């Protein structure tokens, strides 16, 4: 009986952590394929057992109390320890198996990861994938992810980061835009052009003939979608600062032209796979990361080999 109670406690912990992450009982219920009433009942039972209030409930959201927040931190540690124990038990398994939970940047995942997963899945028939597309830097522990692909300059953390490929970025515009508005020659010229970026807080980190340059564009468009920015640039709205994995096909076909080719993106930005820094890395995680490295890297990914002129000029390889 005691073992059954402990199993129930662990499930309650998982439900509690999911409610905190989702921000509401109804959202957690949808993610867990349950009902809000059942989720509420499990959380209430956990509170009754502990003798404390863990959540402040409103009609729209739930937030953790002070005790609930501290309890949540420890619950995440418990769930991570359980996952680590399972990894230890299966680390010598001959083949990856189970569910592999992956977080991917929206556009990069759609364009370059998902279309190439068929070969991976055929190699590991006992494996199942759960893929989430999200441009935020998700918390791997809170989101229950095994591995994430991230693009940028990674801060120091407890996560292991393995470089998959360089991320080369260029200033570009459509031929129609250049015909109507001309072509900038210097950084100062950019102030007089129509610029398209992801939002008002975006900063372009460039490298040019005289070294690093930081430029804050006054963007015409405010959006949280990188794909919206891309389509706006392709349609002729203005000049964008785009990764070659995103616009390489348009550059090759002539749908976009590079402007100010002596300037490119900062060389310290790259594409990484990140995962927990625990001692025993699950075989399924190592298998996926090795597979992505074999596809993209390490020095010149296929999207840059297809547009050699872009790589030859401008930013140095990262």
Protein backbone atom coordinates (compact mmCIF):
# COMPACT_ATOMS: atom_id res chain seq x y z
CA UNK A 1 0.00 0.00 0.00
CA UNK A 2 2.82 2.34 0.84
CA UNK A 3 4.34 1.84 -2.63
CA UNK A 4 1.01 2.76 -4.25
CA UNK A 5 0.86 5.96 -2.17
CA UNK A 6 4.37 6.92 -3.25
CA UNK A 7 3.46 6.42 -6.91
CA UNK A 8 0.43 8.62 -6.41
CA UNK A 9 2.58 11.29 -4.79
CA UNK A 10 4.88 11.37 -7.82
CA UNK A 11 1.98 11.79 -10.23
CA UNK A 12 0.63 14.62 -8.06
CA UNK A 13 4.05 16.26 -8.26
CA UNK A 14 4.01 16.01 -12.05
CA UNK A 15 0.51 17.51 -12.19
CA UNK A 16 1.49 20.34 -9.84
CA UNK A 17 4.58 21.16 -11.93
CA UNK A 18 2.48 21.15 -15.12
CA UNK A 19 -0.09 23.53 -13.59
CA UNK A 20 2.68 25.99 -12.65
CA UNK A 21 4.17 25.81 -16.15
CA UNK A 22 0.81 26.12 -17.95
CA UNK A 23 -0.45 28.94 -15.70
CA UNK A 24 -3.97 27.60 -15.30
CA UNK A 25 -5.81 24.42 -14.38
CA UNK A 26 -7.62 24.29 -17.71
CA UNK A 27 -4.40 24.67 -19.73
CA UNK A 28 -2.71 21.94 -17.68
CA UNK A 29 -5.77 19.72 -18.16
CA UNK A 30 -5.58 20.13 -21.95
CA UNK A 31 -1.88 19.27 -21.98
CA UNK A 32 -2.46 16.20 -19.81
CA UNK A 33 -5.62 15.15 -21.69
CA UNK A 34 -7.62 15.39 -18.47
CA UNK A 35 -10.35 17.64 -17.06
CA UNK A 36 -9.89 20.82 -15.00
CA UNK A 37 -11.96 19.25 -12.23
CA UNK A 38 -9.66 16.25 -12.01
CA UNK A 39 -6.52 18.42 -12.06
CA UNK A 40 -7.98 20.64 -9.32
CA UNK A 41 -8.85 17.57 -7.26
CA UNK A 42 -5.30 16.21 -7.48
CA UNK A 43 -3.74 19.55 -6.53
CA UNK A 44 -6.16 19.97 -3.63
CA UNK A 45 -5.34 16.49 -2.42
CA UNK A 46 -1.64 17.36 -2.50
CA UNK A 47 -2.29 20.56 -0.52
CA UNK A 48 -4.38 18.66 2.03
CA UNK A 49 -1.69 16.05 2.46
CA UNK A 50 0.99 18.70 3.00
CA UNK A 51 -1.24 20.95 5.09
CA UNK A 52 -0.32 24.12 3.15
CA UNK A 53 -1.76 26.25 0.34
CA UNK A 54 0.44 25.84 -2.75
CA UNK A 55 -1.59 27.85 -5.29
CA UNK A 56 -3.52 31.10 -5.44
CA UNK A 57 -6.48 30.46 -7.75
CA UNK A 58 -8.42 33.00 -9.81
CA UNK A 59 -10.94 32.46 -12.57
CA UNK A 60 -8.23 32.96 -15.20
CA UNK A 61 -4.88 31.97 -13.71
CA UNK A 62 -3.17 30.21 -10.88
CA UNK A 63 0.06 31.39 -9.27
CA UNK A 64 2.26 29.76 -6.69
CA UNK A 65 2.23 30.99 -3.12
CA UNK A 66 5.60 31.63 -1.48
CA UNK A 67 5.54 28.12 -0.06
CA UNK A 68 4.30 26.79 -3.40
CA UNK A 69 7.18 28.41 -5.26
CA UNK A 70 9.78 26.88 -2.97
CA UNK A 71 7.99 23.54 -3.12
CA UNK A 72 7.91 23.79 -6.93
CA UNK A 73 11.69 24.17 -7.08
CA UNK A 74 12.11 21.00 -5.04
CA UNK A 75 9.49 19.13 -7.06
CA UNK A 76 11.42 19.88 -10.27
CA UNK A 77 14.56 18.52 -8.60
CA UNK A 78 12.70 15.35 -7.59
CA UNK A 79 11.32 14.82 -11.10
CA UNK A 80 14.77 15.41 -12.61
CA UNK A 81 16.25 12.87 -10.17
CA UNK A 82 13.64 10.30 -11.18
CA UNK A 83 14.42 10.93 -14.84
CA UNK A 84 18.13 10.58 -14.08
CA UNK A 85 17.49 7.27 -12.30
CA UNK A 86 15.58 5.98 -15.32
CA UNK A 87 18.41 7.10 -17.58
CA UNK A 88 20.88 5.24 -15.38
CA UNK A 89 18.79 2.09 -15.63
CA UNK A 90 18.56 2.32 -19.43
CA UNK A 91 21.98 3.80 -20.26
CA UNK A 92 23.34 0.39 -21.30
CA UNK A 93 20.35 -0.36 -23.50
CA UNK A 94 21.44 -1.38 -26.97
CA UNK A 95 18.99 0.92 -28.76
CA UNK A 96 17.32 4.24 -27.92
CA UNK A 97 13.72 3.71 -26.85
CA UNK A 98 10.83 5.54 -25.26
CA UNK A 99 9.73 9.14 -25.86
CA UNK A 100 12.28 11.81 -26.79
CA UNK A 101 11.00 15.31 -26.03
CA UNK A 102 12.56 17.99 -28.23
CA UNK A 103 12.21 21.80 -28.34
CA UNK A 104 13.03 23.49 -31.66
CA UNK A 105 13.07 27.11 -32.94
CA UNK A 106 9.96 27.54 -35.05
CA UNK A 107 11.37 28.35 -38.50
CA UNK A 108 14.61 26.38 -38.21
CA UNK A 109 12.77 23.36 -36.88
CA UNK A 110 10.18 23.45 -39.64
CA UNK A 111 12.69 24.04 -42.46
CA UNK A 112 15.72 22.01 -41.44
CA UNK A 113 15.04 19.56 -38.62
CA UNK A 114 11.59 18.03 -39.06
CA UNK A 115 12.02 17.24 -42.81
CA UNK A 116 15.18 15.26 -41.95
CA UNK A 117 13.86 13.21 -39.04
CA UNK A 118 12.56 10.34 -41.16
CA UNK A 119 15.99 8.71 -41.43
CA UNK A 120 16.54 9.09 -37.70
CA UNK A 121 13.22 7.47 -36.84
CA UNK A 122 13.81 4.63 -39.29
CA UNK A 123 17.12 3.91 -37.56
CA UNK A 124 15.46 3.74 -34.13
CA UNK A 125 12.04 2.08 -34.47
CA UNK A 126 11.58 1.83 -30.67
CA UNK A 127 11.77 5.62 -30.30
CA UNK A 128 8.94 8.14 -30.36
CA UNK A 129 9.33 11.91 -30.75
CA UNK A 130 7.43 14.73 -29.05
CA UNK A 131 8.41 17.96 -30.84
CA UNK A 132 7.58 21.48 -29.63
CA UNK A 133 8.21 24.52 -31.87
CA UNK A 134 8.96 27.63 -29.82
CA UNK A 135 11.23 30.63 -30.38
CA UNK A 136 11.66 31.21 -26.63
CA UNK A 137 14.56 29.75 -24.67
CA UNK A 138 12.45 27.16 -22.88
CA UNK A 139 13.39 25.77 -19.48
CA UNK A 140 14.29 22.16 -20.21
CA UNK A 141 13.49 20.95 -16.70
CA UNK A 142 10.22 22.86 -16.27
CA UNK A 143 9.13 21.94 -19.80
CA UNK A 144 10.19 18.30 -19.38
CA UNK A 145 12.36 18.43 -22.51
CA UNK A 146 15.27 16.07 -23.16
CA UNK A 147 17.04 18.29 -25.67
CA UNK A 148 16.59 21.68 -27.34
CA UNK A 149 18.07 23.36 -30.41
CA UNK A 150 19.00 26.99 -29.78
CA UNK A 151 20.43 29.73 -31.98
CA UNK A 152 22.49 32.51 -30.47
CA UNK A 153 25.30 33.16 -28.03
CA UNK A 154 24.62 30.82 -25.15
CA UNK A 155 25.00 32.04 -21.58
CA UNK A 156 26.85 29.97 -19.00
CA UNK A 157 24.54 27.38 -17.47
CA UNK A 158 24.42 23.84 -16.16
CA UNK A 159 23.35 22.65 -19.59
CA UNK A 160 25.68 20.94 -22.02
CA UNK A 161 25.86 22.75 -25.38
CA UNK A 162 27.09 21.00 -28.50
CA UNK A 163 27.67 23.12 -31.56
CA UNK A 164 25.74 21.90 -34.58
CA UNK A 165 26.64 24.55 -37.17
CA UNK A 166 27.61 28.20 -37.64
CA UNK A 167 24.80 30.70 -38.01
CA UNK A 168 25.77 33.18 -40.70
CA UNK A 169 23.60 36.27 -41.08
CA UNK A 170 23.46 38.85 -43.83
CA UNK A 171 21.77 42.14 -44.59
CA UNK A 172 19.42 41.61 -47.52
CA UNK A 173 16.50 43.09 -49.44
CA UNK A 174 14.37 42.25 -52.44
CA UNK A 175 15.37 43.58 -55.89
CA UNK A 176 12.11 45.55 -55.93
CA UNK A 177 12.98 47.32 -52.69
CA UNK A 178 16.48 48.19 -53.94
CA UNK A 179 15.06 49.52 -57.23
CA UNK A 180 12.63 51.79 -55.34
CA UNK A 181 14.80 52.94 -52.46
CA UNK A 182 18.39 52.41 -53.52
CA UNK A 183 21.09 50.46 -51.71
CA UNK A 184 22.83 51.47 -48.46
CA UNK A 185 26.62 51.64 -48.52
CA UNK A 186 27.46 52.42 -44.90
CA UNK A 187 26.03 51.84 -41.43
CA UNK A 188 24.93 55.48 -41.37
CA UNK A 189 22.94 54.92 -44.57
CA UNK A 190 20.77 52.34 -42.78
CA UNK A 191 19.15 55.12 -40.74
CA UNK A 192 17.58 56.40 -43.97
CA UNK A 193 16.16 53.06 -45.10
CA UNK A 194 13.08 51.02 -44.29
CA UNK A 195 14.19 48.26 -41.90
CA UNK A 196 12.37 45.12 -40.82
CA UNK A 197 13.24 43.29 -37.59
CA UNK A 198 11.46 41.21 -34.96
CA UNK A 199 10.50 44.00 -32.59
CA UNK A 200 11.46 47.31 -31.00
CA UNK A 201 14.11 45.80 -28.69
CA UNK A 202 16.07 44.00 -31.44
CA UNK A 203 19.74 44.89 -31.88
CA UNK A 204 21.78 43.89 -34.93
CA UNK A 205 25.28 42.74 -33.97
CA UNK A 206 27.41 43.14 -37.07
CA UNK A 207 31.04 42.62 -38.00
CA UNK A 208 32.55 44.79 -40.71
CA UNK A 209 35.86 46.04 -42.07
CA UNK A 210 36.60 47.94 -38.86
CA UNK A 211 35.41 45.28 -36.43
CA UNK A 212 32.20 44.74 -34.43
CA UNK A 213 29.31 47.18 -34.82
CA UNK A 214 26.07 47.31 -32.82
CA UNK A 215 23.11 48.80 -34.65
CA UNK A 216 19.56 49.25 -33.34
CA UNK A 217 17.10 49.30 -36.25
CA UNK A 218 13.96 51.39 -36.16
CA UNK A 219 11.78 48.62 -37.48
CA UNK A 220 8.59 49.11 -39.47
CA UNK A 221 7.15 45.90 -38.11
CA UNK A 222 6.61 44.62 -34.59
CA UNK A 223 6.09 40.86 -34.37
CA UNK A 224 7.19 37.89 -32.30
CA UNK A 225 7.46 35.73 -35.42
CA UNK A 226 10.73 35.33 -37.28
CA UNK A 227 8.80 33.88 -40.20
CA UNK A 228 6.69 37.04 -40.48
CA UNK A 229 9.89 39.11 -40.69
CA UNK A 230 11.25 36.85 -43.40
CA UNK A 231 8.13 37.12 -45.55
CA UNK A 232 8.05 40.90 -45.09
CA UNK A 233 11.63 41.20 -46.37
CA UNK A 234 10.98 38.87 -49.31
CA UNK A 235 7.86 40.86 -50.25
CA UNK A 236 9.85 44.12 -50.47
CA UNK A 237 8.86 45.85 -47.23
CA UNK A 238 12.43 46.70 -46.30
CA UNK A 239 15.95 45.54 -45.42
CA UNK A 240 16.32 42.61 -43.06
CA UNK A 241 19.15 40.90 -41.17
CA UNK A 242 18.57 37.23 -41.81
CA UNK A 243 20.30 33.90 -41.31
CA UNK A 244 21.46 32.14 -44.46
CA UNK A 245 19.63 28.96 -43.40
CA UNK A 246 16.45 31.06 -43.62
CA UNK A 247 16.97 33.02 -46.85
CA UNK A 248 19.62 30.99 -48.72
CA UNK A 249 17.15 29.77 -51.34
CA UNK A 250 15.95 33.32 -52.05
CA UNK A 251 19.54 34.57 -52.34
CA UNK A 252 20.37 31.77 -54.75
CA UNK A 253 17.28 32.38 -56.91
CA UNK A 254 17.63 36.15 -56.87
CA UNK A 255 14.46 36.77 -54.86
CA UNK A 256 16.69 38.55 -52.34
CA UNK A 257 19.97 40.39 -52.79
CA UNK A 258 22.64 40.92 -50.21
CA UNK A 259 23.30 44.58 -49.34
CA UNK A 260 26.44 45.96 -47.68
CA UNK A 261 28.25 42.63 -48.27
CA UNK A 262 31.29 43.70 -46.25
CA UNK A 263 29.09 43.41 -43.14
CA UNK A 264 27.77 40.17 -41.67
CA UNK A 265 26.57 38.76 -38.40
CA UNK A 266 28.70 38.46 -35.30
CA UNK A 267 30.85 35.33 -35.54
CA UNK A 268 30.08 34.12 -32.01
CA UNK A 269 26.47 33.23 -32.86
CA UNK A 270 25.93 29.57 -33.69
CA UNK A 271 23.35 26.77 -33.67
CA UNK A 272 23.55 24.45 -30.66
CA UNK A 273 21.93 21.37 -29.20
CA UNK A 274 21.56 21.76 -25.44
CA UNK A 275 20.68 19.14 -22.87
CA UNK A 276 21.04 18.42 -19.18
CA UNK A 277 24.55 18.37 -17.76
CA UNK A 278 23.90 15.33 -15.63
CA UNK A 279 26.57 12.63 -15.62
CA UNK A 280 24.57 10.03 -17.52
CA UNK A 281 23.23 11.35 -20.82
CA UNK A 282 20.40 9.13 -22.14
CA UNK A 283 21.25 7.17 -25.23
CA UNK A 284 18.26 8.66 -27.08
CA UNK A 285 19.64 12.19 -26.52
CA UNK A 286 23.13 11.27 -27.70
CA UNK A 287 21.68 9.56 -30.76
CA UNK A 288 19.66 12.62 -31.84
CA UNK A 289 22.49 15.09 -31.23
CA UNK A 290 24.97 12.94 -33.17
CA UNK A 291 22.45 12.69 -36.00
CA UNK A 292 21.97 16.48 -36.17
CA UNK A 293 25.74 17.03 -36.17
CA UNK A 294 26.10 14.62 -39.08
CA UNK A 295 23.48 16.57 -41.06
CA UNK A 296 24.45 20.17 -40.36
CA UNK A 297 28.09 20.42 -39.40
CA UNK A 298 30.52 21.03 -38.33
CA UNK A 299 31.92 23.85 -40.49
CA UNK A 300 29.90 24.54 -43.63
CA UNK A 301 26.26 23.38 -43.45
CA UNK A 302 24.47 22.45 -46.64
CA UNK A 303 22.49 25.70 -46.84
CA UNK A 304 25.76 27.67 -47.10
CA UNK A 305 27.35 25.24 -49.54
CA UNK A 306 24.39 25.94 -51.82
CA UNK A 307 25.05 29.70 -51.66
CA UNK A 308 28.87 29.92 -51.85
CA UNK A 309 28.94 33.64 -52.68
CA UNK A 310 27.23 34.43 -49.39
CA UNK A 311 29.85 32.55 -47.39
CA UNK A 312 32.80 33.94 -49.34
CA UNK A 313 32.01 37.55 -48.54
CA UNK A 314 31.11 39.40 -45.38
CA UNK A 315 31.15 37.77 -41.95
CA UNK A 316 33.84 35.32 -40.95
CA UNK A 317 32.83 31.75 -40.24
CA UNK A 318 31.97 31.21 -36.62
